[in-house]
Amino acid sequence: MAAGPITVYVRAGDPDSEAVVAHLRSRRYRFTTRDVHNDPSASAVLFGRLGRVAVPAVQVGERLLVGYDPVQLARFLPPVEGEQPPVSFGAAVRSVTPELARERGLPAPWGVEVGPVRPDTPAAAAGIRTGDVITGVGAYTLAGGADQFRTAVAARRPGDTMTLTIRRDGDDVVLPVTFPRAGDGDGAPAG
């Protein structure tokens, strides 16, 4: 990890602070935790950088990310040495167009349309079908199209589960997609 030390600014009892710490621990990052209630200099650092005290905040070198967003953390944090290879969803996706949104009864062109689903992949095991429209990942609406979806998949690691909201035949369906650990199935990287 050549990007610099990781410092996490938290507030005891804050659920988002706890989620960031759990996320970093699950990925085996080495980091220092500073509680803004017990460490006045931690509050001073945040106030000096942001003009306010906001937690959680993750600092890597001179870069600072405020809030808990697993997708942004995956983009922001350096790779962990010995980390397992990236996961594969098992199907191509493309951003929803205004025409497709009208056709599928979506109020706006968000989400991604699923292309052919490869057999024996996480998408196939979850019951994802060609033509499904993925409109959400976890609690997030998929407003950023294919790029946002690919980033969300890239944030996952073998053994993780990602909950998707699917628009299928005019109804919303929620499906969990589990990415197998090495040796549990198809772990080849791809979309």
N, C-alpha and C. Protein backbone atom coordinates (compact mmCIF):
# COMPACT_ATOMS: atom_id res chain seq x y z
N MET A 1 0.83 -1.18 0.00
CA MET A 1 0.00 0.00 0.00
C MET A 1 0.87 1.24 0.00
N ALA A 2 1.24 1.71 -1.14
CA ALA A 2 2.12 2.85 -1.24
C ALA A 2 1.38 4.18 -1.17
N ALA A 3 0.08 4.19 -1.08
CA ALA A 3 -0.70 5.42 -1.11
C ALA A 3 -0.61 6.22 0.18
N GLY A 4 -0.10 5.67 1.24
CA GLY A 4 0.02 6.39 2.49
C GLY A 4 -0.80 5.74 3.58
N PRO A 5 -0.58 6.19 4.82
CA PRO A 5 -1.32 5.60 5.94
C PRO A 5 -2.81 5.93 5.86
N ILE A 6 -3.61 5.06 6.45
CA ILE A 6 -5.06 5.26 6.47
C ILE A 6 -5.46 5.66 7.89
N THR A 7 -6.18 6.78 8.00
CA THR A 7 -6.72 7.24 9.27
C THR A 7 -8.22 7.36 9.11
N VAL A 8 -8.96 6.83 10.09
CA VAL A 8 -10.42 6.90 10.06
C VAL A 8 -10.88 7.77 11.23
N TYR A 9 -11.59 8.84 10.90
CA TYR A 9 -12.15 9.73 11.92
C TYR A 9 -13.59 9.27 12.18
N VAL A 10 -13.88 8.97 13.44
CA VAL A 10 -15.18 8.39 13.81
C VAL A 10 -15.76 9.11 15.01
N ARG A 11 -17.00 8.79 15.31
CA ARG A 11 -17.67 9.21 16.54
C ARG A 11 -18.26 7.95 17.15
N ALA A 12 -17.94 7.67 18.40
CA ALA A 12 -18.44 6.47 19.08
C ALA A 12 -19.96 6.43 19.00
N GLY A 13 -20.49 5.26 18.66
CA GLY A 13 -21.94 5.07 18.58
C GLY A 13 -22.55 5.46 17.25
N ASP A 14 -21.77 6.05 16.35
CA ASP A 14 -22.29 6.44 15.04
C ASP A 14 -22.31 5.22 14.11
N PRO A 15 -23.50 4.84 13.59
CA PRO A 15 -23.59 3.62 12.77
C PRO A 15 -22.72 3.67 11.51
N ASP A 16 -22.63 4.85 10.86
CA ASP A 16 -21.80 4.93 9.66
C ASP A 16 -20.32 4.79 10.00
N SER A 17 -19.91 5.35 11.14
CA SER A 17 -18.51 5.19 11.58
C SER A 17 -18.21 3.72 11.81
N GLU A 18 -19.13 3.02 12.48
CA GLU A 18 -18.95 1.59 12.73
C GLU A 18 -18.91 0.81 11.43
N ALA A 19 -19.73 1.20 10.45
CA ALA A 19 -19.76 0.51 9.16
C ALA A 19 -18.43 0.67 8.41
N VAL A 20 -17.85 1.88 8.44
CA VAL A 20 -16.57 2.10 7.78
C VAL A 20 -15.48 1.25 8.43
N VAL A 21 -15.43 1.24 9.75
CA VAL A 21 -14.42 0.45 10.47
C VAL A 21 -14.60 -1.04 10.14
N ALA A 22 -15.84 -1.52 10.14
CA ALA A 22 -16.10 -2.93 9.81
C ALA A 22 -15.68 -3.24 8.37
N HIS A 23 -15.96 -2.31 7.46
CA HIS A 23 -15.59 -2.48 6.05
C HIS A 23 -14.07 -2.62 5.92
N LEU A 24 -13.33 -1.72 6.57
CA LEU A 24 -11.87 -1.77 6.49
C LEU A 24 -11.31 -3.04 7.12
N ARG A 25 -11.88 -3.42 8.25
CA ARG A 25 -11.41 -4.66 8.91
C ARG A 25 -11.69 -5.88 8.04
N SER A 26 -12.87 -5.92 7.41
CA SER A 26 -13.21 -7.08 6.58
C SER A 26 -12.28 -7.22 5.38
N ARG A 27 -11.71 -6.10 4.95
CA ARG A 27 -10.78 -6.12 3.81
C ARG A 27 -9.32 -6.20 4.28
N ARG A 28 -9.13 -6.31 5.60
CA ARG A 28 -7.81 -6.45 6.22
C ARG A 28 -6.88 -5.25 5.98
N TYR A 29 -7.45 -4.05 5.98
CA TYR A 29 -6.63 -2.84 5.90
C TYR A 29 -6.04 -2.55 7.26
N ARG A 30 -4.86 -1.98 7.28
CA ARG A 30 -4.26 -1.46 8.50
C ARG A 30 -4.62 0.03 8.55
N PHE A 31 -5.16 0.46 9.70
CA PHE A 31 -5.58 1.86 9.81
C PHE A 31 -5.56 2.30 11.26
N THR A 32 -5.56 3.60 11.45
CA THR A 32 -5.63 4.22 12.77
C THR A 32 -7.01 4.84 12.91
N THR A 33 -7.64 4.64 14.06
CA THR A 33 -8.96 5.23 14.33
C THR A 33 -8.78 6.39 15.29
N ARG A 34 -9.43 7.52 14.96
CA ARG A 34 -9.41 8.69 15.83
C ARG A 34 -10.85 9.12 16.09
N ASP A 35 -11.26 9.10 17.36
CA ASP A 35 -12.62 9.48 17.77
C ASP A 35 -12.66 10.98 18.03
N VAL A 36 -13.54 11.67 17.32
CA VAL A 36 -13.60 13.13 17.43
C VAL A 36 -14.06 13.61 18.81
N HIS A 37 -14.72 12.74 19.58
CA HIS A 37 -15.14 13.11 20.93
C HIS A 37 -14.01 13.02 21.94
N ASN A 38 -13.12 12.06 21.77
CA ASN A 38 -12.04 11.82 22.72
C ASN A 38 -10.72 12.45 22.31
N ASP A 39 -10.63 12.92 21.07
CA ASP A 39 -9.37 13.42 20.54
C ASP A 39 -9.60 14.79 19.91
N PRO A 40 -9.42 15.88 20.68
CA PRO A 40 -9.67 17.22 20.14
C PRO A 40 -8.87 17.54 18.88
N SER A 41 -7.66 16.98 18.77
CA SER A 41 -6.87 17.25 17.57
C SER A 41 -7.49 16.60 16.34
N ALA A 42 -8.22 15.50 16.51
CA ALA A 42 -8.92 14.88 15.38
C ALA A 42 -10.01 15.82 14.87
N SER A 43 -10.76 16.42 15.78
CA SER A 43 -11.78 17.40 15.39
C SER A 43 -11.13 18.58 14.67
N ALA A 44 -9.98 19.01 15.18
CA ALA A 44 -9.29 20.15 14.57
C ALA A 44 -8.84 19.84 13.15
N VAL A 45 -8.36 18.62 12.92
CA VAL A 45 -7.95 18.23 11.57
C VAL A 45 -9.13 18.31 10.61
N LEU A 46 -10.26 17.72 11.01
CA LEU A 46 -11.44 17.74 10.13
C LEU A 46 -11.95 19.17 9.92
N PHE A 47 -11.99 19.95 10.98
CA PHE A 47 -12.47 21.33 10.84
C PHE A 47 -11.55 22.13 9.92
N GLY A 48 -10.26 21.90 10.05
CA GLY A 48 -9.30 22.59 9.19
C GLY A 48 -9.42 22.19 7.73
N ARG A 49 -9.73 20.92 7.46
CA ARG A 49 -9.84 20.43 6.07
C ARG A 49 -11.21 20.70 5.47
N LEU A 50 -12.27 20.58 6.30
CA LEU A 50 -13.64 20.63 5.77
C LEU A 50 -14.42 21.88 6.17
N GLY A 51 -13.93 22.58 7.20
CA GLY A 51 -14.70 23.70 7.73
C GLY A 51 -15.80 23.24 8.67
N ARG A 52 -15.82 21.95 8.97
CA ARG A 52 -16.80 21.36 9.88
C ARG A 52 -16.25 20.00 10.33
N VAL A 53 -16.88 19.43 11.33
CA VAL A 53 -16.51 18.10 11.79
C VAL A 53 -17.56 17.13 11.25
N ALA A 54 -17.16 16.28 10.32
CA ALA A 54 -18.08 15.31 9.70
C ALA A 54 -17.46 13.93 9.80
N VAL A 55 -18.24 12.98 10.29
CA VAL A 55 -17.77 11.60 10.40
C VAL A 55 -18.77 10.67 9.73
N PRO A 56 -18.33 9.51 9.30
CA PRO A 56 -16.94 9.09 9.27
C PRO A 56 -16.19 9.79 8.14
N ALA A 57 -14.89 9.88 8.31
CA ALA A 57 -14.01 10.42 7.28
C ALA A 57 -12.80 9.50 7.20
N VAL A 58 -12.43 9.14 6.00
CA VAL A 58 -11.28 8.25 5.77
C VAL A 58 -10.21 9.07 5.07
N GLN A 59 -9.02 9.11 5.67
CA GLN A 59 -7.90 9.84 5.08
C GLN A 59 -6.85 8.84 4.64
N VAL A 60 -6.45 8.95 3.38
CA VAL A 60 -5.36 8.15 2.83
C VAL A 60 -4.34 9.14 2.30
N GLY A 61 -3.20 9.22 2.98
CA GLY A 61 -2.23 10.25 2.61
C GLY A 61 -2.88 11.61 2.82
N GLU A 62 -2.93 12.41 1.77
CA GLU A 62 -3.57 13.73 1.85
C GLU A 62 -5.02 13.71 1.37
N ARG A 63 -5.49 12.61 0.84
CA ARG A 63 -6.86 12.52 0.31
C ARG A 63 -7.83 12.20 1.44
N LEU A 64 -9.06 12.76 1.34
CA LEU A 64 -10.06 12.59 2.39
C LEU A 64 -11.41 12.26 1.76
N LEU A 65 -12.03 11.18 2.25
CA LEU A 65 -13.37 10.78 1.80
C LEU A 65 -14.29 10.85 3.01
N VAL A 66 -15.39 11.59 2.87
CA VAL A 66 -16.32 11.77 3.98
C VAL A 66 -17.56 10.91 3.72
N GLY A 67 -18.01 10.19 4.76
CA GLY A 67 -19.22 9.37 4.67
C GLY A 67 -18.89 7.92 4.41
N TYR A 68 -19.92 7.08 4.54
CA TYR A 68 -19.75 5.66 4.27
C TYR A 68 -20.47 5.29 3.00
N ASP A 69 -19.72 4.99 1.98
CA ASP A 69 -20.23 4.54 0.69
C ASP A 69 -19.28 3.46 0.20
N PRO A 70 -19.68 2.18 0.30
CA PRO A 70 -18.76 1.10 -0.07
C PRO A 70 -18.22 1.21 -1.50
N VAL A 71 -19.03 1.72 -2.42
CA VAL A 71 -18.58 1.85 -3.80
C VAL A 71 -17.46 2.88 -3.89
N GLN A 72 -17.66 4.03 -3.25
CA GLN A 72 -16.62 5.06 -3.28
C GLN A 72 -15.37 4.61 -2.52
N LEU A 73 -15.56 3.88 -1.42
CA LEU A 73 -14.39 3.37 -0.69
C LEU A 73 -13.56 2.44 -1.58
N ALA A 74 -14.22 1.61 -2.37
CA ALA A 74 -13.49 0.69 -3.25
C ALA A 74 -12.65 1.46 -4.26
N ARG A 75 -13.17 2.59 -4.73
CA ARG A 75 -12.44 3.40 -5.69
C ARG A 75 -11.33 4.19 -5.00
N PHE A 76 -11.56 4.58 -3.77
CA PHE A 76 -10.69 5.49 -3.03
C PHE A 76 -9.49 4.79 -2.39
N LEU A 77 -9.72 3.60 -1.85
CA LEU A 77 -8.68 2.91 -1.09
C LEU A 77 -7.70 2.18 -2.00
N PRO A 78 -6.45 2.09 -1.58
CA PRO A 78 -5.47 1.33 -2.36
C PRO A 78 -5.77 -0.16 -2.26
N PRO A 79 -5.35 -0.95 -3.23
CA PRO A 79 -5.56 -2.40 -3.14
C PRO A 79 -4.78 -2.99 -1.97
N VAL A 80 -5.34 -4.03 -1.39
CA VAL A 80 -4.69 -4.72 -0.28
C VAL A 80 -3.78 -5.80 -0.85
N GLU A 81 -2.57 -5.88 -0.32
CA GLU A 81 -1.65 -6.93 -0.77
C GLU A 81 -2.26 -8.30 -0.51
N GLY A 82 -2.15 -9.20 -1.48
CA GLY A 82 -2.66 -10.55 -1.32
C GLY A 82 -4.17 -10.65 -1.49
N GLU A 83 -4.81 -9.56 -1.92
CA GLU A 83 -6.25 -9.57 -2.09
C GLU A 83 -6.63 -10.53 -3.21
N GLN A 84 -7.76 -11.19 -3.04
CA GLN A 84 -8.21 -12.14 -4.04
C GLN A 84 -8.55 -11.42 -5.34
N PRO A 85 -8.54 -12.15 -6.46
CA PRO A 85 -8.84 -11.53 -7.76
C PRO A 85 -10.26 -10.97 -7.77
N PRO A 86 -10.53 -10.04 -8.69
CA PRO A 86 -11.86 -9.45 -8.76
C PRO A 86 -12.94 -10.49 -9.05
N VAL A 87 -14.16 -10.15 -8.68
CA VAL A 87 -15.28 -11.05 -8.92
C VAL A 87 -15.89 -10.78 -10.29
N SER A 88 -16.72 -11.69 -10.74
CA SER A 88 -17.42 -11.56 -12.00
C SER A 88 -18.92 -11.66 -11.76
N PHE A 89 -19.68 -10.78 -12.36
CA PHE A 89 -21.14 -10.82 -12.26
C PHE A 89 -21.69 -11.94 -13.12
N GLY A 90 -21.21 -12.03 -14.35
CA GLY A 90 -21.63 -13.12 -15.22
C GLY A 90 -22.57 -12.72 -16.33
N ALA A 91 -22.71 -11.42 -16.57
CA ALA A 91 -23.56 -10.95 -17.68
C ALA A 91 -23.12 -9.55 -18.04
N ALA A 92 -23.24 -9.24 -19.32
CA ALA A 92 -22.96 -7.87 -19.77
C ALA A 92 -24.17 -7.00 -19.41
N VAL A 93 -23.92 -5.72 -19.21
CA VAL A 93 -25.01 -4.77 -18.94
C VAL A 93 -24.80 -3.53 -19.80
N ARG A 94 -25.92 -2.84 -20.07
CA ARG A 94 -25.83 -1.56 -20.76
C ARG A 94 -26.80 -0.59 -20.10
N SER A 95 -26.46 0.68 -20.12
CA SER A 95 -27.30 1.70 -19.50
C SER A 95 -28.68 1.74 -20.15
N VAL A 96 -29.69 2.00 -19.33
CA VAL A 96 -31.06 2.11 -19.82
C VAL A 96 -31.21 3.41 -20.60
N THR A 97 -31.78 3.31 -21.77
CA THR A 97 -32.05 4.49 -22.62
C THR A 97 -33.44 5.04 -22.29
N PRO A 98 -33.73 6.27 -22.69
CA PRO A 98 -35.09 6.80 -22.47
C PRO A 98 -36.17 5.92 -23.12
N GLU A 99 -35.87 5.37 -24.30
CA GLU A 99 -36.84 4.52 -24.98
C GLU A 99 -37.12 3.25 -24.18
N LEU A 100 -36.06 2.62 -23.67
CA LEU A 100 -36.23 1.41 -22.89
C LEU A 100 -36.97 1.71 -21.58
N ALA A 101 -36.67 2.85 -20.97
CA ALA A 101 -37.35 3.24 -19.73
C ALA A 101 -38.86 3.35 -19.97
N ARG A 102 -39.25 3.99 -21.08
CA ARG A 102 -40.70 4.10 -21.40
C ARG A 102 -41.30 2.72 -21.63
N GLU A 103 -40.58 1.89 -22.38
CA GLU A 103 -41.06 0.54 -22.69
C GLU A 103 -41.26 -0.30 -21.43
N ARG A 104 -40.38 -0.14 -20.44
CA ARG A 104 -40.44 -0.94 -19.22
C ARG A 104 -41.23 -0.28 -18.08
N GLY A 105 -41.77 0.90 -18.34
CA GLY A 105 -42.57 1.56 -17.32
C GLY A 105 -41.77 2.21 -16.21
N LEU A 106 -40.52 2.55 -16.50
CA LEU A 106 -39.69 3.25 -15.51
C LEU A 106 -39.99 4.74 -15.59
N PRO A 107 -40.02 5.43 -14.46
CA PRO A 107 -40.31 6.86 -14.49
C PRO A 107 -39.18 7.70 -15.08
N ALA A 108 -37.98 7.15 -15.16
CA ALA A 108 -36.83 7.86 -15.73
C ALA A 108 -35.84 6.83 -16.25
N PRO A 109 -34.93 7.26 -17.14
CA PRO A 109 -33.95 6.31 -17.67
C PRO A 109 -32.81 6.05 -16.70
N TRP A 110 -33.03 5.16 -15.74
CA TRP A 110 -31.97 4.75 -14.82
C TRP A 110 -31.87 3.25 -14.84
N GLY A 111 -30.75 2.76 -14.35
CA GLY A 111 -30.54 1.32 -14.28
C GLY A 111 -29.76 0.80 -15.47
N VAL A 112 -29.64 -0.53 -15.50
CA VAL A 112 -28.95 -1.20 -16.59
C VAL A 112 -29.78 -2.38 -17.06
N GLU A 113 -29.74 -2.61 -18.35
CA GLU A 113 -30.39 -3.79 -18.92
C GLU A 113 -29.37 -4.91 -18.99
N VAL A 114 -29.80 -6.10 -18.61
CA VAL A 114 -28.93 -7.27 -18.58
C VAL A 114 -28.92 -7.93 -19.95
N GLY A 115 -27.71 -8.21 -20.45
CA GLY A 115 -27.55 -8.95 -21.69
C GLY A 115 -27.54 -10.44 -21.40
N PRO A 116 -27.01 -11.25 -22.31
CA PRO A 116 -26.97 -12.70 -22.09
C PRO A 116 -26.27 -13.04 -20.77
N VAL A 117 -26.90 -13.92 -20.01
CA VAL A 117 -26.35 -14.36 -18.72
C VAL A 117 -25.59 -15.66 -18.95
N ARG A 118 -24.32 -15.64 -18.59
CA ARG A 118 -23.50 -16.84 -18.76
C ARG A 118 -23.88 -17.89 -17.71
N PRO A 119 -23.92 -19.16 -18.10
CA PRO A 119 -24.25 -20.22 -17.13
C PRO A 119 -23.16 -20.34 -16.07
N ASP A 120 -23.53 -20.86 -14.92
CA ASP A 120 -22.59 -21.13 -13.82
C ASP A 120 -21.85 -19.88 -13.36
N THR A 121 -22.57 -18.75 -13.30
CA THR A 121 -22.00 -17.50 -12.80
C THR A 121 -22.88 -16.99 -11.66
N PRO A 122 -22.41 -16.02 -10.89
CA PRO A 122 -23.24 -15.47 -9.82
C PRO A 122 -24.59 -14.94 -10.32
N ALA A 123 -24.61 -14.29 -11.48
CA ALA A 123 -25.87 -13.78 -12.02
C ALA A 123 -26.84 -14.92 -12.30
N ALA A 124 -26.36 -15.98 -12.93
CA ALA A 124 -27.22 -17.13 -13.23
C ALA A 124 -27.72 -17.78 -11.95
N ALA A 125 -26.83 -17.96 -10.97
CA ALA A 125 -27.21 -18.60 -9.71
C ALA A 125 -28.26 -17.79 -8.96
N ALA A 126 -28.24 -16.46 -9.12
CA ALA A 126 -29.21 -15.60 -8.44
C ALA A 126 -30.55 -15.54 -9.15
N GLY A 127 -30.61 -16.07 -10.38
CA GLY A 127 -31.86 -16.03 -11.13
C GLY A 127 -32.01 -14.79 -12.01
N ILE A 128 -30.92 -14.09 -12.26
CA ILE A 128 -30.95 -12.93 -13.16
C ILE A 128 -31.20 -13.46 -14.57
N ARG A 129 -32.05 -12.75 -15.32
CA ARG A 129 -32.40 -13.18 -16.68
C ARG A 129 -32.00 -12.12 -17.70
N THR A 130 -31.71 -12.58 -18.91
CA THR A 130 -31.48 -11.66 -20.01
C THR A 130 -32.72 -10.78 -20.17
N GLY A 131 -32.49 -9.47 -20.29
CA GLY A 131 -33.60 -8.53 -20.44
C GLY A 131 -34.06 -7.90 -19.13
N ASP A 132 -33.64 -8.46 -17.98
CA ASP A 132 -33.96 -7.81 -16.70
C ASP A 132 -33.35 -6.41 -16.70
N VAL A 133 -33.99 -5.50 -15.96
CA VAL A 133 -33.44 -4.17 -15.77
C VAL A 133 -33.10 -4.05 -14.29
N ILE A 134 -31.82 -3.86 -14.00
CA ILE A 134 -31.37 -3.68 -12.62
C ILE A 134 -31.51 -2.20 -12.31
N THR A 135 -32.37 -1.87 -11.33
CA THR A 135 -32.63 -0.47 -10.99
C THR A 135 -31.98 -0.05 -9.69
N GLY A 136 -31.51 -1.00 -8.89
CA GLY A 136 -30.90 -0.63 -7.62
C GLY A 136 -29.88 -1.65 -7.16
N VAL A 137 -28.88 -1.15 -6.43
CA VAL A 137 -27.87 -1.98 -5.79
C VAL A 137 -27.92 -1.64 -4.32
N GLY A 138 -28.37 -2.60 -3.51
CA GLY A 138 -28.55 -2.32 -2.09
C GLY A 138 -29.57 -1.20 -1.92
N ALA A 139 -29.23 -0.20 -1.15
CA ALA A 139 -30.13 0.93 -0.90
C ALA A 139 -30.01 2.01 -1.97
N TYR A 140 -29.13 1.84 -2.94
CA TYR A 140 -28.86 2.87 -3.94
C TYR A 140 -29.64 2.64 -5.23
N THR A 141 -30.26 3.71 -5.74
CA THR A 141 -30.85 3.69 -7.08
C THR A 141 -29.71 3.74 -8.07
N LEU A 142 -29.79 2.96 -9.10
CA LEU A 142 -28.73 2.87 -10.09
C LEU A 142 -28.90 3.98 -11.13
N ALA A 143 -28.62 5.22 -10.70
CA ALA A 143 -28.79 6.39 -11.57
C ALA A 143 -27.61 6.59 -12.49
N GLY A 144 -26.46 5.97 -12.19
CA GLY A 144 -25.24 6.17 -12.97
C GLY A 144 -25.03 5.17 -14.08
N GLY A 145 -26.03 4.36 -14.36
CA GLY A 145 -25.95 3.44 -15.48
C GLY A 145 -24.90 2.36 -15.35
N ALA A 146 -24.39 1.93 -16.51
CA ALA A 146 -23.47 0.79 -16.56
C ALA A 146 -22.18 1.04 -15.79
N ASP A 147 -21.67 2.28 -15.84
CA ASP A 147 -20.43 2.58 -15.11
C ASP A 147 -20.62 2.40 -13.61
N GLN A 148 -21.74 2.89 -13.09
CA GLN A 148 -22.02 2.76 -11.66
C GLN A 148 -22.17 1.29 -11.28
N PHE A 149 -22.85 0.51 -12.12
CA PHE A 149 -23.04 -0.91 -11.84
C PHE A 149 -21.70 -1.63 -11.82
N ARG A 150 -20.86 -1.37 -12.82
CA ARG A 150 -19.55 -2.03 -12.87
C ARG A 150 -18.70 -1.66 -11.66
N THR A 151 -18.79 -0.41 -11.22
CA THR A 151 -18.07 0.01 -10.02
C THR A 151 -18.58 -0.73 -8.79
N ALA A 152 -19.90 -0.91 -8.70
CA ALA A 152 -20.48 -1.63 -7.56
C ALA A 152 -20.01 -3.08 -7.55
N VAL A 153 -19.93 -3.72 -8.70
CA VAL A 153 -19.44 -5.09 -8.77
C VAL A 153 -17.96 -5.12 -8.40
N ALA A 154 -17.19 -4.15 -8.90
CA ALA A 154 -15.76 -4.11 -8.62
C ALA A 154 -15.47 -3.93 -7.13
N ALA A 155 -16.42 -3.36 -6.40
CA ALA A 155 -16.24 -3.14 -4.96
C ALA A 155 -16.42 -4.44 -4.17
N ARG A 156 -16.99 -5.47 -4.79
CA ARG A 156 -17.24 -6.73 -4.09
C ARG A 156 -16.02 -7.62 -4.16
N ARG A 157 -15.95 -8.51 -3.20
CA ARG A 157 -14.87 -9.48 -3.11
C ARG A 157 -15.48 -10.87 -3.01
N PRO A 158 -14.70 -11.91 -3.30
CA PRO A 158 -15.21 -13.27 -3.15
C PRO A 158 -15.79 -13.48 -1.76
N GLY A 159 -16.99 -14.04 -1.71
CA GLY A 159 -17.69 -14.26 -0.44
C GLY A 159 -18.73 -13.19 -0.15
N ASP A 160 -18.67 -12.04 -0.84
CA ASP A 160 -19.64 -10.95 -0.64
C ASP A 160 -20.97 -11.28 -1.30
N THR A 161 -22.02 -10.65 -0.80
CA THR A 161 -23.35 -10.72 -1.40
C THR A 161 -23.79 -9.30 -1.73
N MET A 162 -24.38 -9.13 -2.90
CA MET A 162 -24.87 -7.84 -3.37
C MET A 162 -26.37 -7.98 -3.65
N THR A 163 -27.19 -7.14 -3.04
CA THR A 163 -28.63 -7.20 -3.24
C THR A 163 -29.02 -6.29 -4.39
N LEU A 164 -29.73 -6.84 -5.37
CA LEU A 164 -30.14 -6.08 -6.54
C LEU A 164 -31.66 -5.95 -6.60
N THR A 165 -32.13 -4.78 -7.03
CA THR A 165 -33.55 -4.59 -7.33
C THR A 165 -33.68 -4.69 -8.84
N ILE A 166 -34.56 -5.58 -9.28
CA ILE A 166 -34.74 -5.90 -10.69
C ILE A 166 -36.15 -5.50 -11.11
N ARG A 167 -36.28 -4.84 -12.26
CA ARG A 167 -37.60 -4.61 -12.86
C ARG A 167 -37.80 -5.72 -13.89
N ARG A 168 -38.82 -6.55 -13.63
CA ARG A 168 -39.09 -7.69 -14.49
C ARG A 168 -40.59 -7.78 -14.70
N ASP A 169 -41.03 -7.75 -15.95
CA ASP A 169 -42.45 -7.86 -16.29
C ASP A 169 -43.30 -6.86 -15.51
N GLY A 170 -42.79 -5.63 -15.34
CA GLY A 170 -43.55 -4.58 -14.67
C GLY A 170 -43.50 -4.61 -13.15
N ASP A 171 -42.87 -5.62 -12.58
CA ASP A 171 -42.77 -5.73 -11.12
C ASP A 171 -41.31 -5.57 -10.69
N ASP A 172 -41.14 -5.13 -9.43
CA ASP A 172 -39.81 -5.07 -8.85
C ASP A 172 -39.56 -6.34 -8.06
N VAL A 173 -38.40 -6.95 -8.29
CA VAL A 173 -37.98 -8.18 -7.62
C VAL A 173 -36.63 -7.89 -6.98
N VAL A 174 -36.44 -8.35 -5.75
CA VAL A 174 -35.16 -8.18 -5.07
C VAL A 174 -34.45 -9.53 -5.05
N LEU A 175 -33.22 -9.54 -5.56
CA LEU A 175 -32.45 -10.78 -5.65
C LEU A 175 -31.06 -10.58 -5.06
N PRO A 176 -30.61 -11.49 -4.19
CA PRO A 176 -29.23 -11.42 -3.71
C PRO A 176 -28.31 -12.16 -4.68
N VAL A 177 -27.17 -11.53 -4.99
CA VAL A 177 -26.16 -12.14 -5.84
C VAL A 177 -24.94 -12.39 -4.96
N THR A 178 -24.54 -13.66 -4.85
CA THR A 178 -23.39 -14.02 -4.02
C THR A 178 -22.21 -14.35 -4.92
N PHE A 179 -21.07 -13.76 -4.60
CA PHE A 179 -19.85 -13.99 -5.37
C PHE A 179 -19.03 -15.06 -4.66
N PRO A 180 -18.83 -16.20 -5.32
CA PRO A 180 -18.17 -17.33 -4.65
C PRO A 180 -16.70 -17.04 -4.36
N ARG A 181 -16.23 -17.71 -3.32
CA ARG A 181 -14.80 -17.66 -3.00
C ARG A 181 -14.07 -18.56 -3.99
N ALA A 182 -12.77 -18.37 -4.11
CA ALA A 182 -11.95 -19.19 -5.03
C ALA A 182 -12.23 -20.66 -4.74
N GLY A 183 -12.49 -21.41 -5.79
CA GLY A 183 -12.76 -22.84 -5.65
C GLY A 183 -14.23 -23.15 -5.45
N ASP A 184 -15.07 -22.11 -5.22
CA ASP A 184 -16.52 -22.32 -5.03
C ASP A 184 -17.30 -22.21 -6.32
N GLY A 185 -16.67 -21.85 -7.41
CA GLY A 185 -17.39 -21.67 -8.66
C GLY A 185 -16.61 -20.75 -9.55
N ASP A 186 -17.32 -20.07 -10.48
CA ASP A 186 -16.69 -19.18 -11.44
C ASP A 186 -16.21 -17.93 -10.76
N GLY A 187 -14.90 -17.75 -10.62
CA GLY A 187 -14.35 -16.55 -10.01
C GLY A 187 -13.61 -15.70 -11.02
N ALA A 188 -13.79 -15.99 -12.33
CA ALA A 188 -13.07 -15.26 -13.35
C ALA A 188 -13.53 -13.81 -13.39
N PRO A 189 -12.59 -12.87 -13.52
CA PRO A 189 -12.99 -11.49 -13.58
C PRO A 189 -13.69 -11.17 -14.88
N ALA A 190 -14.65 -10.27 -14.84
CA ALA A 190 -15.36 -9.76 -16.01
C ALA A 190 -16.58 -9.04 -15.54
N GLY A 191 -17.38 -8.51 -16.51
CA GLY A 191 -18.59 -7.75 -16.17
C GLY A 191 -19.61 -8.68 -15.73
